[in-house]
Amino acid sequence: MDRTPLVSLIIPAYNVAEYLPQCLDSALGQTYPNLQIVIVDDGSTDRTPSVIDRYAASDPRVMAIHQENAGVMLARKRAIEAATGEYLCFLDGDDYLPLDTVEILYRGIEQWQTDII
C-alpha cells in the first residue's frame, strides 16, 4: 500500500469487560498500519471503564470516551463525531476481528474505487 489513510475503528461498549480485552487486542493487532480506535463506554457498571482506560493509557491509537448510559446508537454517534479517520469500521465491544480485516477491506476500497465496503 503506497498510501495508508487513517481508519477509525468505532467501538461502543456497555458492560463487556469480560470480552473487551479480546476485542481491543484484535483491533490493535491489525496488519493495517494506520489505525485509530475510538471506544465509548456507555455508562457501564462493570469493569469496562477501567479496561478502556488501561488500553488508552498504553497505546496512543486508543481514544477513550466515557458517557452516561444513552444507548448503543448514541454511543456510536459520539464515537463517529470524535473519529478523525478517512474511513470508519464498526464493531462492538464483544466482537473481535481477524488480524487482517482492515487491510482486506482497505484493499477492496482501492481495487474497486469505492467509498464503502
Protein backbone atom coordinates (compact mmCIF):
# COMPACT_ATOMS: atom_id res chain seq x y z
CA MET A 1 0.00 0.00 0.00
CA ASP A 2 1.50 3.31 -1.08
CA ARG A 3 -0.93 5.49 0.80
CA THR A 4 -2.47 4.45 4.06
CA PRO A 5 -5.28 6.76 5.15
CA LEU A 6 -6.35 6.70 8.77
CA VAL A 7 -9.07 4.16 9.50
CA SER A 8 -11.08 4.73 12.68
CA LEU A 9 -12.47 1.68 14.43
CA ILE A 10 -15.68 2.66 16.22
CA ILE A 11 -16.48 0.60 19.32
CA PRO A 12 -19.44 1.25 21.63
CA ALA A 13 -19.11 -0.69 24.88
CA TYR A 14 -21.58 -1.43 27.65
CA ASN A 15 -20.79 -3.96 30.40
CA VAL A 16 -18.44 -6.02 28.22
CA ALA A 17 -15.37 -6.12 30.49
CA GLU A 18 -15.10 -9.89 30.05
CA TYR A 19 -14.86 -9.63 26.24
CA LEU A 20 -13.26 -6.22 25.76
CA PRO A 21 -9.58 -7.26 26.00
CA GLN A 22 -10.02 -9.71 23.10
CA CYS A 23 -11.82 -7.01 21.09
CA LEU A 24 -9.16 -4.37 21.71
CA ASP A 25 -6.25 -6.79 21.21
CA SER A 26 -7.70 -7.76 17.83
CA ALA A 27 -8.12 -4.09 16.91
CA LEU A 28 -4.59 -3.15 17.98
CA GLY A 29 -3.10 -6.19 16.27
CA GLN A 30 -4.43 -5.34 12.80
CA THR A 31 -1.94 -5.64 9.96
CA TYR A 32 -3.20 -2.34 8.54
CA PRO A 33 -0.72 0.25 9.84
CA ASN A 34 -2.71 3.47 10.28
CA LEU A 35 -5.48 2.97 12.84
CA GLN A 36 -7.38 4.96 15.40
CA ILE A 37 -9.55 3.08 17.90
CA VAL A 38 -12.40 5.17 19.33
CA ILE A 39 -14.17 3.37 22.14
CA VAL A 40 -17.13 4.80 24.01
CA ASP A 41 -18.08 3.43 27.40
CA ASP A 42 -21.84 3.87 27.54
CA GLY A 43 -22.24 4.11 31.31
CA SER A 44 -21.07 0.59 32.15
CA THR A 45 -21.44 -0.66 35.71
CA ASP A 46 -18.81 -3.40 35.48
CA ARG A 47 -15.04 -3.06 34.89
CA THR A 48 -15.47 -1.84 31.29
CA PRO A 49 -14.35 1.75 32.05
CA SER A 50 -11.11 0.61 33.70
CA VAL A 51 -10.34 -1.80 30.84
CA ILE A 52 -10.83 1.02 28.34
CA ASP A 53 -8.67 3.42 30.34
CA ARG A 54 -5.89 0.84 30.68
CA TYR A 55 -5.73 0.35 26.90
CA ALA A 56 -5.93 4.09 26.21
CA ALA A 57 -3.06 4.73 28.63
CA SER A 58 -0.87 2.09 27.00
CA ASP A 59 -1.45 2.89 23.29
CA PRO A 60 -1.89 6.36 21.73
CA ARG A 61 -4.10 4.91 18.97
CA VAL A 62 -6.86 4.28 21.53
CA MET A 63 -9.22 7.15 22.36
CA ALA A 64 -11.37 6.52 25.43
CA ILE A 65 -14.68 8.32 25.83
CA HIS A 66 -16.98 7.87 28.82
CA GLN A 67 -20.61 8.92 28.92
CA GLU A 68 -23.74 8.23 30.93
CA ASN A 69 -25.80 5.38 29.53
CA ALA A 70 -27.56 6.65 26.42
CA GLY A 71 -27.80 3.52 24.28
CA VAL A 72 -25.68 1.98 21.57
CA MET A 73 -26.73 4.33 18.78
CA LEU A 74 -25.76 7.47 20.72
CA ALA A 75 -22.50 5.83 21.78
CA ARG A 76 -21.70 5.12 18.12
CA LYS A 77 -22.69 8.67 17.19
CA ARG A 78 -20.35 10.09 19.83
CA ALA A 79 -17.50 7.91 18.56
CA ILE A 80 -18.13 8.96 14.96
CA GLU A 81 -18.04 12.63 15.99
CA ALA A 82 -14.65 12.07 17.71
CA ALA A 83 -13.14 9.97 14.92
CA THR A 84 -10.65 11.56 12.56
CA GLY A 85 -10.21 8.70 10.08
CA GLU A 86 -10.93 8.90 6.39
CA TYR A 87 -12.77 5.58 6.75
CA LEU A 88 -14.81 4.12 9.61
CA CYS A 89 -15.09 0.49 10.64
CA PHE A 90 -17.69 -0.61 13.19
CA LEU A 91 -17.55 -3.36 15.77
CA ASP A 92 -18.97 -3.95 19.22
CA GLY A 93 -17.11 -4.46 22.47
CA ASP A 94 -17.84 -8.18 22.47
CA ASP A 95 -16.63 -8.67 18.87
CA TYR A 96 -13.15 -9.31 17.57
CA LEU A 97 -11.56 -9.02 14.15
CA PRO A 98 -9.24 -11.38 12.31
CA LEU A 99 -5.90 -9.59 12.22
CA ASP A 100 -6.01 -8.72 8.50
CA THR A 101 -9.63 -7.49 8.38
CA VAL A 102 -8.96 -3.77 7.98
CA GLU A 103 -6.21 -4.40 5.43
CA ILE A 104 -8.51 -6.61 3.33
CA LEU A 105 -11.32 -4.06 3.50
CA TYR A 106 -8.99 -1.23 2.50
CA ARG A 107 -7.59 -3.25 -0.42
CA GLY A 108 -11.19 -3.71 -1.60
CA ILE A 109 -11.78 0.03 -1.41
CA GLU A 110 -8.66 0.66 -3.50
CA GLN A 111 -9.37 -2.10 -6.00
CA TRP A 112 -12.98 -1.14 -6.67
CA GLN A 113 -12.56 2.62 -6.13
CA THR A 114 -15.46 2.78 -3.69
CA ASP A 115 -16.15 4.79 -0.55
CA ILE A 116 -17.87 1.94 1.30
CA ILE A 117 -17.28 -1.78 1.51
